[in-house]
Amino acid sequence: MRYTEAKEHIQGRLHELFADPYHAFRNTADERQLHIRIMLHLLVARPMQRGHLTLRVIHGWQNGGFEPDALHNADYSLTCVEDLQAAMHAFRTATENNSSFPSDGASLLTEPLAQAITRAEAKGRVVDTPTRTIPARWPAFEGGLAIYTFFKMYHRLVYGEDDTYRCAHCLTEQGMRELHEFHLEEGEFAVVIPPGPDYRSEDSVLVMHESQLVPMAKLLLESIPLFENF
């Protein structure tokens, strides 16, 4: 098992700003609202203004289900809050018309999982049915730990989480990424960013469940203008 593929509860970019990010967003934290606004400015507003932010809206899991092939996504280029509102309108229209949600094709997890299993089998690894179908067993083969780390993040974004903030490192096809995950009263979302100076030139991804589009649009509309005069 290659534990270098992912590591959870790490010190990430927000540790450069806050003494203890793991407590900064709790309801009992001093200056909580300020912490939220600064975080949104750093992780969302700045890459959005540079044209380096993708919005990924996930959907498909419900009623406790977590089958990999049932999780889908729709990606949008996010250059302003109006782009998020356009995505919100597309999902609202689908709901009102009782039609399928926007989707970018194959399941978000199925293809990378199949590719990782194929590579493992090509190296002589036997991947049995339980290992293929039980997410907690994916770390048994190379590439599986990284996929499992994203699986857990998606699961928490769909079904909720007690911790207000989590940070992890995860190796992706684009290289190492930091996964910043937030479960706030104002909205639940994650931001996947390149580490270090690559953050200024490579794409970040804002991830949320479709149910969070409305509260996140409200939160961003309230937060982003606060820094425009500074």
C-alpha atoms as a PDB file:
ATOM      1  CA  MET A   1       0.000   0.000   0.000  1.00  0.00           C
ATOM      2  CA  ARG A   2       1.456   3.365  -1.009  1.00  0.00           C
ATOM      3  CA  TYR A   3       0.565   5.756   1.785  1.00  0.00           C
ATOM      4  CA  THR A   4       2.432   8.481  -0.099  1.00  0.00           C
ATOM      5  CA  GLU A   5      -0.589   8.683  -2.426  1.00  0.00           C
ATOM      6  CA  ALA A   6      -2.581  10.528   0.237  1.00  0.00           C
ATOM      7  CA  LYS A   7      -2.316  11.819   3.770  1.00  0.00           C
ATOM      8  CA  GLU A   8      -5.151  13.307   5.794  1.00  0.00           C
ATOM      9  CA  HIS A   9      -5.239  15.932   8.566  1.00  0.00           C
ATOM     10  CA  ILE A  10      -2.147  17.689   7.260  1.00  0.00           C
ATOM     11  CA  GLN A  11      -0.881  21.264   7.570  1.00  0.00           C
ATOM     12  CA  GLY A  12      -1.883  23.066   4.375  1.00  0.00           C
ATOM     13  CA  ARG A  13      -1.985  26.563   2.929  1.00  0.00           C
ATOM     14  CA  LEU A  14      -4.370  27.867   5.584  1.00  0.00           C
ATOM     15  CA  HIS A  15      -1.746  27.204   8.257  1.00  0.00           C
ATOM     16  CA  GLU A  16       0.159  30.111   6.696  1.00  0.00           C
ATOM     17  CA  LEU A  17      -2.711  32.399   7.739  1.00  0.00           C
ATOM     18  CA  PHE A  18      -4.311  30.899  10.840  1.00  0.00           C
ATOM     19  CA  ALA A  19      -2.661  29.557  13.975  1.00  0.00           C
ATOM     20  CA  ASP A  20      -5.130  26.644  14.056  1.00  0.00           C
ATOM     21  CA  PRO A  21      -7.303  26.245  10.950  1.00  0.00           C
ATOM     22  CA  TYR A  22      -8.851  23.072  12.359  1.00  0.00           C
ATOM     23  CA  HIS A  23     -10.609  25.230  14.970  1.00  0.00           C
ATOM     24  CA  ALA A  24     -10.897  28.539  13.068  1.00  0.00           C
ATOM     25  CA  PHE A  25     -14.285  27.749  11.478  1.00  0.00           C
ATOM     26  CA  ARG A  26     -16.100  26.233  14.423  1.00  0.00           C
ATOM     27  CA  ASN A  27     -19.201  28.060  15.650  1.00  0.00           C
ATOM     28  CA  THR A  28     -17.442  28.827  18.936  1.00  0.00           C
ATOM     29  CA  ALA A  29     -14.302  30.281  17.317  1.00  0.00           C
ATOM     30  CA  ASP A  30     -13.417  33.933  17.841  1.00  0.00           C
ATOM     31  CA  GLU A  31     -13.520  35.942  14.592  1.00  0.00           C
ATOM     32  CA  ARG A  32     -15.142  32.991  12.816  1.00  0.00           C
ATOM     33  CA  GLN A  33     -16.793  35.133  10.132  1.00  0.00           C
ATOM     34  CA  LEU A  34     -13.495  36.878   9.398  1.00  0.00           C
ATOM     35  CA  HIS A  35     -11.784  33.509   9.008  1.00  0.00           C
ATOM     36  CA  ILE A  36     -14.460  32.379   6.550  1.00  0.00           C
ATOM     37  CA  ARG A  37     -14.140  35.547   4.455  1.00  0.00           C
ATOM     38  CA  ILE A  38     -10.342  35.361   4.338  1.00  0.00           C
ATOM     39  CA  MET A  39     -10.469  31.685   3.403  1.00  0.00           C
ATOM     40  CA  LEU A  40     -12.950  32.343   0.586  1.00  0.00           C
ATOM     41  CA  HIS A  41     -10.812  35.190  -0.714  1.00  0.00           C
ATOM     42  CA  LEU A  42      -7.697  33.014  -0.793  1.00  0.00           C
ATOM     43  CA  LEU A  43      -9.136  29.704  -2.007  1.00  0.00           C
ATOM     44  CA  VAL A  44     -12.054  30.823  -4.198  1.00  0.00           C
ATOM     45  CA  ALA A  45     -12.025  34.503  -5.185  1.00  0.00           C
ATOM     46  CA  ARG A  46      -8.381  34.791  -6.250  1.00  0.00           C
ATOM     47  CA  PRO A  47      -8.239  31.717  -8.536  1.00  0.00           C
ATOM     48  CA  MET A  48     -11.680  32.666  -9.882  1.00  0.00           C
ATOM     49  CA  GLN A  49     -10.457  36.143 -10.818  1.00  0.00           C
ATOM     50  CA  ARG A  50      -7.365  34.647 -12.484  1.00  0.00           C
ATOM     51  CA  GLY A  51      -9.526  32.259 -14.536  1.00  0.00           C
ATOM     52  CA  HIS A  52      -8.077  29.217 -12.783  1.00  0.00           C
ATOM     53  CA  LEU A  53     -11.162  27.870 -11.017  1.00  0.00           C
ATOM     54  CA  THR A  54     -13.499  25.050 -12.043  1.00  0.00           C
ATOM     55  CA  LEU A  55     -16.824  24.441 -10.324  1.00  0.00           C
ATOM     56  CA  ARG A  56     -17.585  20.718  -9.940  1.00  0.00           C
ATOM     57  CA  VAL A  57     -21.178  19.938  -8.970  1.00  0.00           C
ATOM     58  CA  ILE A  58     -21.663  16.350  -7.804  1.00  0.00           C
ATOM     59  CA  HIS A  59     -24.915  14.394  -7.659  1.00  0.00           C
ATOM     60  CA  GLY A  60     -26.354  10.897  -7.842  1.00  0.00           C
ATOM     61  CA  TRP A  61     -25.840   9.427  -4.400  1.00  0.00           C
ATOM     62  CA  GLN A  62     -28.910   9.438  -2.191  1.00  0.00           C
ATOM     63  CA  ASN A  63     -30.563   7.531   0.637  1.00  0.00           C
ATOM     64  CA  GLY A  64     -27.220   6.326   1.945  1.00  0.00           C
ATOM     65  CA  GLY A  65     -26.047   4.897  -1.376  1.00  0.00           C
ATOM     66  CA  PHE A  66     -22.390   5.177  -2.343  1.00  0.00           C
ATOM     67  CA  GLU A  67     -21.940   3.034  -5.450  1.00  0.00           C
ATOM     68  CA  PRO A  68     -19.047   4.479  -7.486  1.00  0.00           C
ATOM     69  CA  ASP A  69     -20.911   4.343 -10.790  1.00  0.00           C
ATOM     70  CA  ALA A  70     -23.836   6.322  -9.333  1.00  0.00           C
ATOM     71  CA  LEU A  71     -21.801   9.453  -8.556  1.00  0.00           C
ATOM     72  CA  HIS A  72     -21.849  11.988 -11.390  1.00  0.00           C
ATOM     73  CA  ASN A  73     -20.627  15.508 -11.905  1.00  0.00           C
ATOM     74  CA  ALA A  74     -21.024  18.581 -14.055  1.00  0.00           C
ATOM     75  CA  ASP A  75     -18.035  20.923 -14.401  1.00  0.00           C
ATOM     76  CA  TYR A  76     -18.230  24.644 -15.116  1.00  0.00           C
ATOM     77  CA  SER A  77     -15.582  27.286 -15.675  1.00  0.00           C
ATOM     78  CA  LEU A  78     -15.964  29.734 -12.789  1.00  0.00           C
ATOM     79  CA  THR A  79     -14.808  33.285 -13.499  1.00  0.00           C
ATOM     80  CA  CYS A  80     -17.428  35.122 -11.432  1.00  0.00           C
ATOM     81  CA  VAL A  81     -20.305  34.442  -9.075  1.00  0.00           C
ATOM     82  CA  GLU A  82     -22.691  34.733 -12.022  1.00  0.00           C
ATOM     83  CA  ASP A  83     -21.166  31.541 -13.451  1.00  0.00           C
ATOM     84  CA  LEU A  84     -22.133  29.730 -10.254  1.00  0.00           C
ATOM     85  CA  GLN A  85     -25.618  31.208 -10.506  1.00  0.00           C
ATOM     86  CA  ALA A  86     -25.866  29.890 -14.074  1.00  0.00           C
ATOM     87  CA  ALA A  87     -25.030  26.391 -12.824  1.00  0.00           C
ATOM     88  CA  MET A  88     -27.604  26.838 -10.066  1.00  0.00           C
ATOM     89  CA  HIS A  89     -30.209  27.789 -12.685  1.00  0.00           C
ATOM     90  CA  ALA A  90     -29.399  24.698 -14.782  1.00  0.00           C
ATOM     91  CA  PHE A  91     -29.922  22.373 -11.824  1.00  0.00           C
ATOM     92  CA  ARG A  92     -33.054  24.216 -10.708  1.00  0.00           C
ATOM     93  CA  THR A  93     -34.510  23.938 -14.211  1.00  0.00           C
ATOM     94  CA  ALA A  94     -33.798  20.202 -14.253  1.00  0.00           C
ATOM     95  CA  THR A  95     -35.570  19.805 -10.920  1.00  0.00           C
ATOM     96  CA  GLU A  96     -38.583  21.816 -12.042  1.00  0.00           C
ATOM     97  CA  ASN A  97     -38.847  19.837 -15.296  1.00  0.00           C
ATOM     98  CA  ASN A  98     -38.283  16.512 -13.527  1.00  0.00           C
ATOM     99  CA  SER A  99     -35.389  15.828 -15.905  1.00  0.00           C
ATOM    100  CA  SER A 100     -31.876  14.506 -15.397  1.00  0.00           C
ATOM    101  CA  PHE A 101     -29.283  16.746 -13.793  1.00  0.00           C
ATOM    102  CA  PRO A 102     -26.457  18.062 -15.994  1.00  0.00           C
ATOM    103  CA  SER A 103     -23.661  15.488 -16.218  1.00  0.00           C
ATOM    104  CA  ASP A 104     -20.276  15.304 -17.908  1.00  0.00           C
ATOM    105  CA  GLY A 105     -20.702  11.682 -18.895  1.00  0.00           C
ATOM    106  CA  ALA A 106     -19.110   8.781 -17.069  1.00  0.00           C
ATOM    107  CA  SER A 107     -19.155   8.424 -13.306  1.00  0.00           C
ATOM    108  CA  LEU A 108     -16.670  10.551 -11.437  1.00  0.00           C
ATOM    109  CA  LEU A 109     -15.094   7.495  -9.776  1.00  0.00           C
ATOM    110  CA  THR A 110     -15.650   4.594 -12.175  1.00  0.00           C
ATOM    111  CA  GLU A 111     -13.053   5.461 -14.817  1.00  0.00           C
ATOM    112  CA  PRO A 112     -10.099   6.251 -12.513  1.00  0.00           C
ATOM    113  CA  LEU A 113     -10.942   3.170 -10.431  1.00  0.00           C
ATOM    114  CA  ALA A 114     -11.005   0.934 -13.501  1.00  0.00           C
ATOM    115  CA  GLN A 115      -7.719   2.388 -14.754  1.00  0.00           C
ATOM    116  CA  ALA A 116      -6.014   1.845 -11.395  1.00  0.00           C
ATOM    117  CA  ILE A 117      -7.224  -1.770 -11.250  1.00  0.00           C
ATOM    118  CA  THR A 118      -6.031  -2.389 -14.819  1.00  0.00           C
ATOM    119  CA  ARG A 119      -2.572  -1.048 -13.978  1.00  0.00           C
ATOM    120  CA  ALA A 120      -2.413  -3.139 -10.815  1.00  0.00           C
ATOM    121  CA  GLU A 121      -3.409  -6.315 -12.673  1.00  0.00           C
ATOM    122  CA  ALA A 122      -0.846  -5.594 -15.392  1.00  0.00           C
ATOM    123  CA  LYS A 123       1.809  -5.703 -12.662  1.00  0.00           C
ATOM    124  CA  GLY A 124       0.565  -9.079 -11.453  1.00  0.00           C
ATOM    125  CA  ARG A 125      -1.702  -7.909  -8.654  1.00  0.00           C
ATOM    126  CA  VAL A 126      -4.845 -10.029  -8.176  1.00  0.00           C
ATOM    127  CA  VAL A 127      -7.795  -7.700  -7.509  1.00  0.00           C
ATOM    128  CA  ASP A 128     -10.727  -9.789  -6.341  1.00  0.00           C
ATOM    129  CA  THR A 129     -14.388  -8.787  -6.355  1.00  0.00           C
ATOM    130  CA  PRO A 130     -14.552  -7.570  -2.729  1.00  0.00           C
ATOM    131  CA  THR A 131     -11.478  -5.369  -3.319  1.00  0.00           C
ATOM    132  CA  ARG A 132     -13.082  -3.909  -6.439  1.00  0.00           C
ATOM    133  CA  THR A 133     -16.446  -3.204  -4.838  1.00  0.00           C
ATOM    134  CA  ILE A 134     -15.658  -2.200  -1.246  1.00  0.00           C
ATOM    135  CA  PRO A 135     -14.143   1.300  -1.166  1.00  0.00           C
ATOM    136  CA  ALA A 136     -12.264   0.709   2.110  1.00  0.00           C
ATOM    137  CA  ARG A 137     -10.276  -2.022   0.297  1.00  0.00           C
ATOM    138  CA  TRP A 138      -9.139   0.149  -2.613  1.00  0.00           C
ATOM    139  CA  PRO A 139      -5.898   1.166  -0.852  1.00  0.00           C
ATOM    140  CA  ALA A 140      -4.774  -2.459  -1.282  1.00  0.00           C
ATOM    141  CA  PHE A 141      -3.657  -1.689  -4.862  1.00  0.00           C
ATOM    142  CA  GLU A 142      -1.492   1.094  -6.246  1.00  0.00           C
ATOM    143  CA  GLY A 143      -3.535   4.217  -6.934  1.00  0.00           C
ATOM    144  CA  GLY A 144      -6.414   3.015  -4.780  1.00  0.00           C
ATOM    145  CA  LEU A 145      -5.601   5.105  -1.723  1.00  0.00           C
ATOM    146  CA  ALA A 146      -5.820   8.344  -3.699  1.00  0.00           C
ATOM    147  CA  ILE A 147      -9.170   7.319  -5.201  1.00  0.00           C
ATOM    148  CA  TYR A 148     -10.442   6.295  -1.771  1.00  0.00           C
ATOM    149  CA  THR A 149      -9.411   9.679  -0.344  1.00  0.00           C
ATOM    150  CA  PHE A 150     -11.524  11.482  -2.953  1.00  0.00           C
ATOM    151  CA  PHE A 151     -14.349   8.978  -2.416  1.00  0.00           C
ATOM    152  CA  LYS A 152     -14.455   9.875   1.287  1.00  0.00           C
ATOM    153  CA  MET A 153     -14.437  13.581   0.499  1.00  0.00           C
ATOM    154  CA  TYR A 154     -17.368  13.191  -1.932  1.00  0.00           C
ATOM    155  CA  HIS A 155     -19.233  11.049   0.595  1.00  0.00           C
ATOM    156  CA  ARG A 156     -18.892  13.700   3.303  1.00  0.00           C
ATOM    157  CA  LEU A 157     -20.003  16.448   0.898  1.00  0.00           C
ATOM    158  CA  VAL A 158     -23.145  14.469   0.083  1.00  0.00           C
ATOM    159  CA  TYR A 159     -24.041  13.157   3.531  1.00  0.00           C
ATOM    160  CA  GLY A 160     -22.468  15.682   5.907  1.00  0.00           C
ATOM    161  CA  GLU A 161     -19.673  15.684   8.464  1.00  0.00           C
ATOM    162  CA  ASP A 162     -19.173  16.774  12.074  1.00  0.00           C
ATOM    163  CA  ASP A 163     -15.731  18.357  11.563  1.00  0.00           C
ATOM    164  CA  THR A 164     -15.978  21.877  10.183  1.00  0.00           C
ATOM    165  CA  TYR A 165     -12.634  21.647   8.357  1.00  0.00           C
ATOM    166  CA  ARG A 166     -10.350  18.956   6.975  1.00  0.00           C
ATOM    167  CA  CYS A 167      -7.169  19.150   4.926  1.00  0.00           C
ATOM    168  CA  ALA A 168      -5.447  16.342   3.026  1.00  0.00           C
ATOM    169  CA  HIS A 169      -2.709  15.793   0.458  1.00  0.00           C
ATOM    170  CA  CYS A 170      -3.606  13.556  -2.458  1.00  0.00           C
ATOM    171  CA  LEU A 171      -1.698  12.481  -5.570  1.00  0.00           C
ATOM    172  CA  THR A 172      -3.778  13.043  -8.710  1.00  0.00           C
ATOM    173  CA  GLU A 173      -3.099  12.702 -12.430  1.00  0.00           C
ATOM    174  CA  GLN A 174      -2.264  16.422 -12.410  1.00  0.00           C
ATOM    175  CA  GLY A 175       0.181  16.021  -9.529  1.00  0.00           C
ATOM    176  CA  MET A 176      -0.074  16.512  -5.778  1.00  0.00           C
ATOM    177  CA  ARG A 177      -3.114  18.458  -4.604  1.00  0.00           C
ATOM    178  CA  GLU A 178      -4.373  19.831  -1.308  1.00  0.00           C
ATOM    179  CA  LEU A 179      -7.972  18.975  -0.463  1.00  0.00           C
ATOM    180  CA  HIS A 180      -9.542  21.658   1.725  1.00  0.00           C
ATOM    181  CA  GLU A 181     -12.948  20.534   2.956  1.00  0.00           C
ATOM    182  CA  PHE A 182     -15.490  22.725   4.766  1.00  0.00           C
ATOM    183  CA  HIS A 183     -18.723  21.810   6.531  1.00  0.00           C
ATOM    184  CA  LEU A 184     -20.156  25.123   7.698  1.00  0.00           C
ATOM    185  CA  GLU A 185     -23.621  26.328   8.617  1.00  0.00           C
ATOM    186  CA  GLU A 186     -23.365  28.630   5.604  1.00  0.00           C
ATOM    187  CA  GLY A 187     -22.491  25.875   3.139  1.00  0.00           C
ATOM    188  CA  GLU A 188     -20.591  22.631   2.585  1.00  0.00           C
ATOM    189  CA  PHE A 189     -17.895  22.476  -0.076  1.00  0.00           C
ATOM    190  CA  ALA A 190     -14.300  21.530  -0.826  1.00  0.00           C
ATOM    191  CA  VAL A 191     -11.522  23.256  -2.750  1.00  0.00           C
ATOM    192  CA  VAL A 192      -8.833  21.165  -4.432  1.00  0.00           C
ATOM    193  CA  ILE A 193      -5.743  23.298  -5.021  1.00  0.00           C
ATOM    194  CA  PRO A 194      -2.170  22.874  -6.301  1.00  0.00           C
ATOM    195  CA  PRO A 195       0.410  23.207  -3.518  1.00  0.00           C
ATOM    196  CA  GLY A 196       3.005  25.945  -3.220  1.00  0.00           C
ATOM    197  CA  PRO A 197       3.645  28.459  -6.020  1.00  0.00           C
ATOM    198  CA  ASP A 198       1.792  26.291  -8.573  1.00  0.00           C
ATOM    199  CA  TYR A 199      -1.379  27.626  -6.958  1.00  0.00           C
ATOM    200  CA  ARG A 200      -0.949  30.860  -8.936  1.00  0.00           C
ATOM    201  CA  SER A 201      -0.710  29.220 -12.356  1.00  0.00           C
ATOM    202  CA  GLU A 202      -2.597  25.900 -12.227  1.00  0.00           C
ATOM    203  CA  ASP A 203      -6.310  25.206 -11.880  1.00  0.00           C
ATOM    204  CA  SER A 204      -8.190  24.757  -8.616  1.00  0.00           C
ATOM    205  CA  VAL A 205     -11.535  22.949  -8.309  1.00  0.00           C
ATOM    206  CA  LEU A 206     -14.457  24.072  -6.148  1.00  0.00           C
ATOM    207  CA  VAL A 207     -16.509  20.952  -5.332  1.00  0.00           C
ATOM    208  CA  MET A 208     -20.011  20.844  -3.884  1.00  0.00           C
ATOM    209  CA  HIS A 209     -23.168  18.750  -3.903  1.00  0.00           C
ATOM    210  CA  GLU A 210     -25.967  20.160  -6.038  1.00  0.00           C
ATOM    211  CA  SER A 211     -27.983  20.940  -2.888  1.00  0.00           C
ATOM    212  CA  GLN A 212     -25.307  23.459  -1.868  1.00  0.00           C
ATOM    213  CA  LEU A 213     -25.480  25.659  -4.980  1.00  0.00           C
ATOM    214  CA  VAL A 214     -27.996  28.099  -3.492  1.00  0.00           C
ATOM    215  CA  PRO A 215     -26.324  28.592  -0.085  1.00  0.00           C
ATOM    216  CA  MET A 216     -22.870  28.840  -1.695  1.00  0.00           C
ATOM    217  CA  ALA A 217     -24.003  31.484  -4.173  1.00  0.00           C
ATOM    218  CA  LYS A 218     -25.391  33.485  -1.250  1.00  0.00           C
ATOM    219  CA  LEU A 219     -22.186  33.065   0.755  1.00  0.00           C
ATOM    220  CA  LEU A 220     -19.955  34.150  -2.112  1.00  0.00           C
ATOM    221  CA  LEU A 221     -22.140  37.134  -2.990  1.00  0.00           C
ATOM    222  CA  GLU A 222     -21.888  38.288   0.616  1.00  0.00           C
ATOM    223  CA  SER A 223     -18.167  37.642   0.961  1.00  0.00           C
ATOM    224  CA  ILE A 224     -16.306  38.474  -2.237  1.00  0.00           C
ATOM    225  CA  PRO A 225     -17.218  42.207  -2.435  1.00  0.00           C
ATOM    226  CA  LEU A 226     -15.775  42.776   1.055  1.00  0.00           C
ATOM    227  CA  PHE A 227     -12.214  42.657  -0.329  1.00  0.00           C
ATOM    228  CA  GLU A 228     -12.740  44.619  -3.536  1.00  0.00           C
ATOM    229  CA  ASN A 229     -11.658  47.902  -1.964  1.00  0.00           C
ATOM    230  CA  PHE A 230      -8.498  46.445  -0.402  1.00  0.00           C
END
